[in-house]
Amino acid sequence: MDDALGDDLHAAESTEAYHRAVPTPQNANGLPEFARPPVSGDLTPFIATLVSGRTLGLEESQAAFACLMSGECHHAEVGALLALMATRIPTADELAGAASAMRAHVDRLDTGVPASALLDTAGTGGTAKLFNVSTVAAIIAAAAGAKVAKHGNRSRTGRGSAEVLMQLGVNVDAGRETQRRCMDEAGICFCFAIHHHPATRHVMPVRKALGIPTIFNLLGPLTNPAGARRQIVGVYAPQFVRPVADALAILGVERAIVMHGLDGLDECSISSPTMIAEVSNGSVAERVLTANDLGVAAAPHSALIVGDLEDAADLLMSILNGNERGARRDMAVVNAGLAIMAAGLANDLPSGMRLATAAINDGAAAQTMERLRTASNH
């Protein structure tokens, strides 16, 4: 045994012996010195579990985040819980439990389409911004026949899915009746996160004060307001691919593809290998995809970026109209192909990419965008 490791083990054994031998101090109420009587919204039991080095089980996580969603928790406890969880990779049970609690408080959308047939392409964000890949993929997938409840929000870059759709004339603040009309007429609707997750307002001041990524940065794609059970999910770091996939399996998705481009993208990248975890029938399979596997030319990251919001909106329309050629169109087709596959309209990625290409070439993608814009404003 390594000497330093032996010293560490000996010290740990001595510490355990000390705590067995020395009684825990009691306060005037007969409680442990640092304890307090239970109060409404008390997160102390969950914090104590995390401080001990253990993780939260599925039911514990659900109970803890139900407290957070209630608005009854002290901000200091909320900050402690989120900071402790941010020191490591969350477990699938922690993610699934937290997502279940958020789903219980969501302002739901009834699209008229069974949740088992609904697709979402929302990712976590938090990576270097390209163009709006998941948004254009959602529109192309809808044009190919998928029913898409696109969950999205504003971005720290100022050109997230909400901003680019607004730039193109879509009413992202549309009410539930209008959202359902969009689904009926365009096969896609936009679910603006700020209108569907009112309970998250209780934790937003703490998240802003912490200024670090927390588990909430992973929960958006797990909490689609329409209950979509078919998804492609980009995550902002490679260590989150498997736990998010496992969480989706626990939550009962029909089909999901979780991905991270090793160039730092929360998309399937054509400028680097992409880690993929596919969820189907409760099982998860992992693989790595390269541009060569995808059947497209590899491209440098610099070939995929755009400038400001106006550039992003112009590019989205250029792709949908079939005018854009080269790397950025390839990137859109690859991610739309994955979305079409997740929707169950293609058996494999090459088939999904062929359907995506056809939707662009025959004008269906541009028509779907126009139907979405029109329906959202009536």
Protein backbone atom coordinates (compact mmCIF):
# COMPACT_ATOMS: atom_id res chain seq x y z
CA MET A 1 0.00 0.00 0.00
CA ASP A 2 1.18 3.52 -0.82
CA ASP A 3 2.41 5.20 2.38
CA ALA A 4 0.43 8.42 1.85
CA LEU A 5 -2.76 6.44 1.20
CA GLY A 6 -2.12 4.39 4.31
CA ASP A 7 -1.75 7.58 6.36
CA ASP A 8 -5.05 8.89 4.94
CA LEU A 9 -6.88 5.69 5.82
CA HIS A 10 -5.43 5.69 9.33
CA ALA A 11 -6.53 9.30 9.83
CA ALA A 12 -10.04 8.48 8.59
CA GLU A 13 -10.28 5.51 10.97
CA SER A 14 -9.10 7.69 13.86
CA THR A 15 -11.72 10.33 13.01
CA GLU A 16 -14.51 7.75 12.94
CA ALA A 17 -13.34 6.38 16.30
CA TYR A 18 -13.35 9.91 17.75
CA HIS A 19 -16.95 10.51 16.70
CA ARG A 20 -18.00 7.14 18.13
CA ALA A 21 -16.34 7.96 21.44
CA VAL A 22 -17.42 11.61 21.83
CA PRO A 23 -21.17 12.19 22.24
CA THR A 24 -22.78 14.79 19.97
CA PRO A 25 -23.41 18.02 21.94
CA GLN A 26 -27.06 18.66 22.74
CA ASN A 27 -28.81 22.00 22.85
CA ALA A 28 -31.49 23.11 25.31
CA ASN A 29 -34.19 21.32 23.33
CA GLY A 30 -32.36 18.00 23.50
CA LEU A 31 -31.54 18.19 19.79
CA PRO A 32 -28.06 17.86 18.33
CA GLU A 33 -26.24 21.17 18.82
CA PHE A 34 -26.39 22.20 15.17
CA ALA A 35 -29.94 20.99 14.51
CA ARG A 36 -33.16 22.97 14.56
CA PRO A 37 -36.82 22.00 14.65
CA PRO A 38 -38.26 21.14 11.21
CA VAL A 39 -39.86 24.04 9.34
CA SER A 40 -41.93 24.29 6.16
CA GLY A 41 -39.74 24.01 3.09
CA ASP A 42 -36.84 22.62 5.13
CA LEU A 43 -33.95 21.48 2.92
CA THR A 44 -31.68 20.56 5.83
CA PRO A 45 -32.12 16.76 5.53
CA PHE A 46 -31.11 16.87 1.86
CA ILE A 47 -28.20 19.22 2.52
CA ALA A 48 -27.00 16.90 5.30
CA THR A 49 -27.02 13.99 2.85
CA LEU A 50 -24.92 15.95 0.37
CA VAL A 51 -22.52 17.23 3.03
CA SER A 52 -21.91 13.62 4.06
CA GLY A 53 -20.68 12.89 0.53
CA ARG A 54 -23.72 10.89 -0.52
CA THR A 55 -26.01 11.55 -3.48
CA LEU A 56 -29.78 12.01 -3.43
CA GLY A 57 -31.97 9.10 -4.44
CA LEU A 58 -34.76 9.55 -6.96
CA GLU A 59 -37.46 10.20 -4.36
CA GLU A 60 -35.16 12.39 -2.26
CA SER A 61 -34.31 14.54 -5.26
CA GLN A 62 -37.96 14.85 -6.21
CA ALA A 63 -38.85 15.90 -2.66
CA ALA A 64 -35.98 18.41 -2.45
CA PHE A 65 -36.88 20.08 -5.74
CA ALA A 66 -40.56 20.07 -4.89
CA CYS A 67 -39.53 22.20 -1.89
CA LEU A 68 -37.59 24.53 -4.19
CA MET A 69 -40.57 24.87 -6.52
CA SER A 70 -42.90 25.67 -3.60
CA GLY A 71 -41.20 28.98 -2.82
CA GLU A 72 -41.09 28.13 0.90
CA CYS A 73 -37.34 27.45 1.10
CA HIS A 74 -34.88 29.90 2.60
CA HIS A 75 -32.57 31.27 -0.09
CA ALA A 76 -29.52 30.32 1.96
CA GLU A 77 -30.59 26.67 1.92
CA VAL A 78 -31.40 26.80 -1.80
CA GLY A 79 -27.93 28.18 -2.48
CA ALA A 80 -26.29 25.54 -0.29
CA LEU A 81 -28.15 22.69 -2.00
CA LEU A 82 -27.39 23.90 -5.51
CA ALA A 83 -23.74 24.68 -4.74
CA LEU A 84 -23.15 21.28 -3.16
CA MET A 85 -24.68 19.51 -6.15
CA ALA A 86 -22.56 21.63 -8.50
CA THR A 87 -19.33 20.21 -7.05
CA ARG A 88 -19.80 16.97 -9.01
CA ILE A 89 -21.69 15.38 -11.87
CA PRO A 90 -25.36 14.86 -10.94
CA THR A 91 -26.62 11.30 -10.95
CA ALA A 92 -29.38 10.12 -13.24
CA ASP A 93 -31.66 9.74 -10.19
CA GLU A 94 -30.96 13.31 -9.11
CA LEU A 95 -31.70 14.64 -12.58
CA ALA A 96 -34.84 12.55 -13.01
CA GLY A 97 -36.12 13.45 -9.54
CA ALA A 98 -35.53 17.17 -10.07
CA ALA A 99 -37.14 17.02 -13.52
CA SER A 100 -40.18 15.20 -12.11
CA ALA A 101 -40.64 17.96 -9.53
CA MET A 102 -40.38 20.64 -12.22
CA ARG A 103 -42.83 18.76 -14.44
CA ALA A 104 -45.34 18.71 -11.59
CA HIS A 105 -45.24 22.53 -11.50
CA VAL A 106 -45.15 23.20 -15.26
CA ASP A 107 -47.89 25.25 -16.92
CA ARG A 108 -48.76 22.48 -19.33
CA LEU A 109 -49.60 22.73 -23.00
CA ASP A 110 -52.12 20.37 -24.60
CA THR A 111 -51.15 20.26 -28.27
CA GLY A 112 -53.75 17.70 -29.24
CA VAL A 113 -50.91 15.34 -30.18
CA PRO A 114 -50.07 12.37 -27.91
CA ALA A 115 -46.91 13.01 -25.91
CA SER A 116 -45.49 9.74 -27.21
CA ALA A 117 -45.50 11.21 -30.73
CA LEU A 118 -44.18 14.69 -29.86
CA LEU A 119 -40.60 15.74 -30.60
CA ASP A 120 -38.45 18.40 -28.91
CA THR A 121 -34.98 19.55 -30.01
CA ALA A 122 -34.10 21.75 -27.01
CA GLY A 123 -30.55 21.58 -25.69
CA THR A 124 -28.91 23.00 -22.60
CA GLY A 125 -27.12 25.90 -24.27
CA GLY A 126 -24.11 27.22 -22.43
CA THR A 127 -21.65 26.63 -25.30
CA ALA A 128 -20.01 28.82 -27.90
CA LYS A 129 -22.82 30.07 -30.12
CA LEU A 130 -23.05 29.03 -33.75
CA PHE A 131 -26.26 29.61 -35.64
CA ASN A 132 -29.55 28.31 -34.22
CA VAL A 133 -29.00 24.66 -35.11
CA SER A 134 -31.66 23.10 -32.88
CA THR A 135 -34.28 25.61 -34.06
CA VAL A 136 -33.68 25.07 -37.77
CA ALA A 137 -33.54 21.30 -37.14
CA ALA A 138 -36.95 21.49 -35.45
CA ILE A 139 -38.50 23.29 -38.42
CA ILE A 140 -37.00 20.89 -40.96
CA ALA A 141 -38.17 17.91 -38.91
CA ALA A 142 -41.70 19.34 -38.79
CA ALA A 143 -41.58 19.80 -42.57
CA ALA A 144 -40.63 16.12 -42.87
CA GLY A 145 -43.72 15.11 -40.88
CA ALA A 146 -42.70 15.23 -37.21
CA LYS A 147 -44.93 16.92 -34.64
CA VAL A 148 -42.64 19.31 -32.77
CA ALA A 149 -43.19 21.11 -29.46
CA LYS A 150 -40.02 23.21 -29.54
CA HIS A 151 -39.03 24.18 -26.00
CA GLY A 152 -36.77 27.22 -25.89
CA ASN A 153 -35.70 30.38 -24.15
CA ARG A 154 -33.68 33.52 -24.53
CA SER A 155 -29.91 33.12 -24.64
CA ARG A 156 -27.07 34.90 -22.88
CA THR A 157 -25.79 35.66 -26.41
CA GLY A 158 -28.97 37.52 -27.34
CA ARG A 159 -29.76 35.16 -30.21
CA GLY A 160 -31.32 32.06 -28.73
CA SER A 161 -34.35 30.28 -30.16
CA ALA A 162 -36.78 32.87 -28.79
CA GLU A 163 -34.85 35.83 -30.17
CA VAL A 164 -34.30 34.39 -33.65
CA LEU A 165 -37.94 33.34 -34.03
CA MET A 166 -39.06 36.80 -32.89
CA GLN A 167 -36.69 38.32 -35.47
CA LEU A 168 -38.45 36.22 -38.11
CA GLY A 169 -41.91 37.38 -37.06
CA VAL A 170 -43.04 34.45 -34.91
CA ASN A 171 -45.11 35.40 -31.87
CA VAL A 172 -43.15 33.53 -29.20
CA ASP A 173 -45.48 34.86 -26.47
CA ALA A 174 -48.53 33.19 -28.03
CA GLY A 175 -51.09 31.72 -25.64
CA ARG A 176 -52.11 28.09 -25.37
CA GLU A 177 -54.87 28.25 -27.97
CA THR A 178 -52.52 29.84 -30.49
CA GLN A 179 -49.78 27.32 -29.72
CA ARG A 180 -52.22 24.53 -30.45
CA ARG A 181 -53.24 26.22 -33.71
CA CYS A 182 -49.55 26.37 -34.69
CA MET A 183 -49.32 22.62 -34.13
CA ASP A 184 -52.46 22.02 -36.20
CA GLU A 185 -51.42 24.26 -39.10
CA ALA A 186 -47.62 24.04 -39.11
CA GLY A 187 -46.81 20.81 -37.26
CA ILE A 188 -44.68 22.83 -34.83
CA CYS A 189 -45.24 25.22 -31.96
CA PHE A 190 -42.86 27.18 -29.75
CA CYS A 191 -42.99 26.70 -25.98
CA PHE A 192 -41.33 29.76 -24.44
CA ALA A 193 -39.83 28.50 -21.18
CA ILE A 194 -40.52 31.71 -19.23
CA HIS A 195 -44.26 31.24 -19.77
CA HIS A 196 -44.39 27.55 -18.87
CA HIS A 197 -42.23 27.30 -15.74
CA PRO A 198 -43.57 29.91 -13.32
CA ALA A 199 -42.32 28.07 -10.21
CA THR A 200 -38.68 28.52 -11.23
CA ARG A 201 -39.00 32.19 -10.28
CA HIS A 202 -38.45 31.07 -6.68
CA VAL A 203 -34.90 29.92 -7.41
CA MET A 204 -33.88 32.43 -10.07
CA PRO A 205 -32.48 35.03 -7.62
CA VAL A 206 -30.28 32.35 -6.06
CA ARG A 207 -29.08 31.05 -9.42
CA LYS A 208 -28.14 34.57 -10.48
CA ALA A 209 -26.39 35.22 -7.17
CA LEU A 210 -24.36 32.00 -7.42
CA GLY A 211 -23.12 32.85 -10.91
CA ILE A 212 -22.11 29.24 -11.68
CA PRO A 213 -23.82 26.49 -13.67
CA THR A 214 -26.14 24.39 -11.50
CA ILE A 215 -28.30 21.35 -12.08
CA PHE A 216 -30.96 23.71 -13.45
CA ASN A 217 -28.77 24.25 -16.51
CA LEU A 218 -29.47 20.61 -17.40
CA LEU A 219 -33.17 20.46 -16.53
CA GLY A 220 -34.73 22.55 -19.32
CA PRO A 221 -34.58 19.79 -21.94
CA LEU A 222 -36.03 17.32 -19.41
CA THR A 223 -39.14 19.42 -18.74
CA ASN A 224 -40.93 19.98 -22.04
CA PRO A 225 -44.30 21.68 -21.28
CA ALA A 226 -46.17 19.48 -23.76
CA GLY A 227 -44.60 16.32 -22.32
CA ALA A 228 -42.69 15.45 -25.51
CA ARG A 229 -41.27 11.94 -25.26
CA ARG A 230 -39.09 12.06 -28.36
CA GLN A 231 -36.03 14.26 -28.14
CA ILE A 232 -32.62 15.26 -29.34
CA VAL A 233 -30.72 16.95 -26.52
CA GLY A 234 -27.39 18.73 -26.81
CA VAL A 235 -25.52 19.17 -23.52
CA TYR A 236 -22.80 21.70 -22.76
CA ALA A 237 -20.09 19.34 -21.47
CA PRO A 238 -19.18 15.71 -22.28
CA GLN A 239 -19.56 14.43 -18.71
CA PHE A 240 -23.30 15.11 -18.84
CA VAL A 241 -24.10 12.98 -21.90
CA ARG A 242 -24.60 9.67 -20.09
CA PRO A 243 -26.37 10.91 -16.92
CA VAL A 244 -28.85 12.96 -18.98
CA ALA A 245 -29.50 9.94 -21.21
CA ASP A 246 -29.99 7.70 -18.17
CA ALA A 247 -32.34 10.28 -16.64
CA LEU A 248 -34.42 10.35 -19.82
CA ALA A 249 -34.62 6.55 -19.70
CA ILE A 250 -35.90 6.76 -16.10
CA LEU A 251 -38.43 9.40 -17.16
CA GLY A 252 -39.82 7.07 -19.83
CA VAL A 253 -38.96 8.67 -23.17
CA GLU A 254 -39.88 6.80 -26.32
CA ARG A 255 -36.67 7.75 -28.11
CA ALA A 256 -33.93 10.27 -27.31
CA ILE A 257 -30.50 11.18 -28.59
CA VAL A 258 -28.18 13.04 -26.21
CA MET A 259 -25.05 14.57 -27.69
CA HIS A 260 -22.00 16.74 -27.19
CA GLY A 261 -19.56 17.82 -29.89
CA LEU A 262 -16.02 17.54 -28.63
CA ASP A 263 -15.32 21.00 -30.05
CA GLY A 264 -17.50 22.23 -27.19
CA LEU A 265 -20.89 22.32 -28.93
CA ASP A 266 -24.27 21.19 -27.63
CA GLU A 267 -25.03 19.89 -31.13
CA CYS A 268 -23.94 17.06 -33.38
CA SER A 269 -20.83 18.70 -34.78
CA ILE A 270 -19.18 18.37 -38.19
CA SER A 271 -15.97 20.04 -36.98
CA SER A 272 -15.09 17.39 -34.38
CA PRO A 273 -16.21 13.96 -33.17
CA THR A 274 -19.55 13.98 -31.31
CA MET A 275 -20.39 11.85 -28.29
CA ILE A 276 -23.82 10.28 -28.69
CA ALA A 277 -26.03 8.38 -26.23
CA GLU A 278 -29.19 6.89 -27.74
CA VAL A 279 -32.13 6.04 -25.50
CA SER A 280 -34.66 3.49 -26.71
CA ASN A 281 -36.96 1.13 -24.82
CA GLY A 282 -35.37 2.11 -21.52
CA SER A 283 -31.82 1.20 -22.59
CA VAL A 284 -28.90 3.47 -23.47
CA ALA A 285 -26.27 2.86 -26.14
CA GLU A 286 -23.23 5.09 -26.62
CA ARG A 287 -21.14 5.81 -29.70
CA VAL A 288 -19.00 8.51 -31.29
CA LEU A 289 -19.86 10.06 -34.66
CA THR A 290 -17.44 11.86 -36.99
CA ALA A 291 -18.10 13.88 -40.13
CA ASN A 292 -16.97 10.85 -42.13
CA ASP A 293 -19.59 8.69 -40.37
CA LEU A 294 -22.19 11.34 -41.19
CA GLY A 295 -21.31 11.37 -44.87
CA VAL A 296 -20.50 15.10 -44.96
CA ALA A 297 -17.28 17.05 -45.33
CA ALA A 298 -15.56 18.06 -42.10
CA ALA A 299 -15.52 21.82 -41.57
CA PRO A 300 -13.65 24.11 -39.19
CA HIS A 301 -15.59 25.67 -36.35
CA SER A 302 -15.08 29.09 -37.95
CA ALA A 303 -17.15 28.01 -40.96
CA LEU A 304 -20.21 27.45 -38.78
CA ILE A 305 -20.52 30.72 -36.92
CA VAL A 306 -22.62 33.81 -37.66
CA GLY A 307 -22.40 37.40 -36.46
CA ASP A 308 -25.39 39.06 -34.82
CA LEU A 309 -29.09 38.22 -34.46
CA GLU A 310 -29.93 39.55 -37.91
CA ASP A 311 -27.25 37.33 -39.47
CA ALA A 312 -28.57 34.32 -37.54
CA ALA A 313 -32.13 34.91 -38.73
CA ASP A 314 -31.01 35.45 -42.34
CA LEU A 315 -29.00 32.23 -42.27
CA LEU A 316 -31.90 30.23 -40.83
CA MET A 317 -34.13 31.38 -43.68
CA SER A 318 -31.38 30.78 -46.25
CA ILE A 319 -31.07 27.17 -45.07
CA LEU A 320 -34.84 26.63 -45.10
CA ASN A 321 -35.17 28.20 -48.55
CA GLY A 322 -32.45 25.94 -49.93
CA ASN A 323 -30.19 28.87 -50.83
CA GLU A 324 -27.46 28.05 -48.28
CA ARG A 325 -24.85 25.53 -49.37
CA GLY A 326 -21.83 24.07 -47.68
CA ALA A 327 -20.95 23.47 -44.05
CA ARG A 328 -23.80 25.27 -42.31
CA ARG A 329 -26.43 23.53 -44.41
CA ASP A 330 -24.67 20.21 -43.73
CA MET A 331 -24.74 20.93 -40.00
CA ALA A 332 -28.48 21.66 -40.16
CA VAL A 333 -29.22 18.52 -42.19
CA VAL A 334 -27.25 16.28 -39.82
CA ASN A 335 -29.09 17.56 -36.74
CA ALA A 336 -32.46 17.53 -38.50
CA GLY A 337 -31.73 13.95 -39.56
CA LEU A 338 -31.16 12.99 -35.93
CA ALA A 339 -34.42 14.72 -34.98
CA ILE A 340 -36.33 12.88 -37.72
CA MET A 341 -34.83 9.60 -36.51
CA ALA A 342 -35.80 10.38 -32.89
CA ALA A 343 -39.32 11.16 -34.10
CA GLY A 344 -39.57 7.63 -35.49
CA LEU A 345 -39.80 8.72 -39.13
CA ALA A 346 -36.47 7.16 -40.12
CA ASN A 347 -34.77 3.94 -39.08
CA ASP A 348 -31.26 5.35 -39.24
CA LEU A 349 -29.39 8.62 -39.61
CA PRO A 350 -28.71 8.43 -43.37
CA SER A 351 -32.46 7.95 -43.96
CA GLY A 352 -33.23 10.87 -41.63
CA MET A 353 -30.75 13.10 -43.46
CA ARG A 354 -32.31 12.18 -46.82
CA LEU A 355 -35.75 13.18 -45.51
CA ALA A 356 -34.31 16.43 -44.15
CA THR A 357 -32.68 17.24 -47.49
CA ALA A 358 -35.92 16.48 -49.34
CA ALA A 359 -37.90 18.77 -46.99
CA ILE A 360 -35.56 21.62 -47.90
CA ASN A 361 -35.37 20.89 -51.62
CA ASP A 362 -39.12 20.54 -52.20
CA GLY A 363 -39.93 23.78 -50.36
CA ALA A 364 -41.66 22.12 -47.38
CA ALA A 365 -39.21 23.58 -44.84
CA ALA A 366 -39.75 27.17 -45.98
CA GLN A 367 -43.52 26.60 -46.11
CA THR A 368 -43.49 25.22 -42.56
CA MET A 369 -41.68 28.34 -41.34
CA GLU A 370 -44.26 30.57 -43.03
CA ARG A 371 -47.16 28.57 -41.57
CA LEU A 372 -45.64 28.87 -38.09
CA ARG A 373 -45.24 32.62 -38.46
CA THR A 374 -48.79 33.09 -39.75
CA ALA A 375 -50.50 30.80 -37.24
CA SER A 376 -48.65 32.32 -34.27
CA ASN A 377 -49.98 35.79 -35.09
CA HIS A 378 -53.67 34.93 -35.52
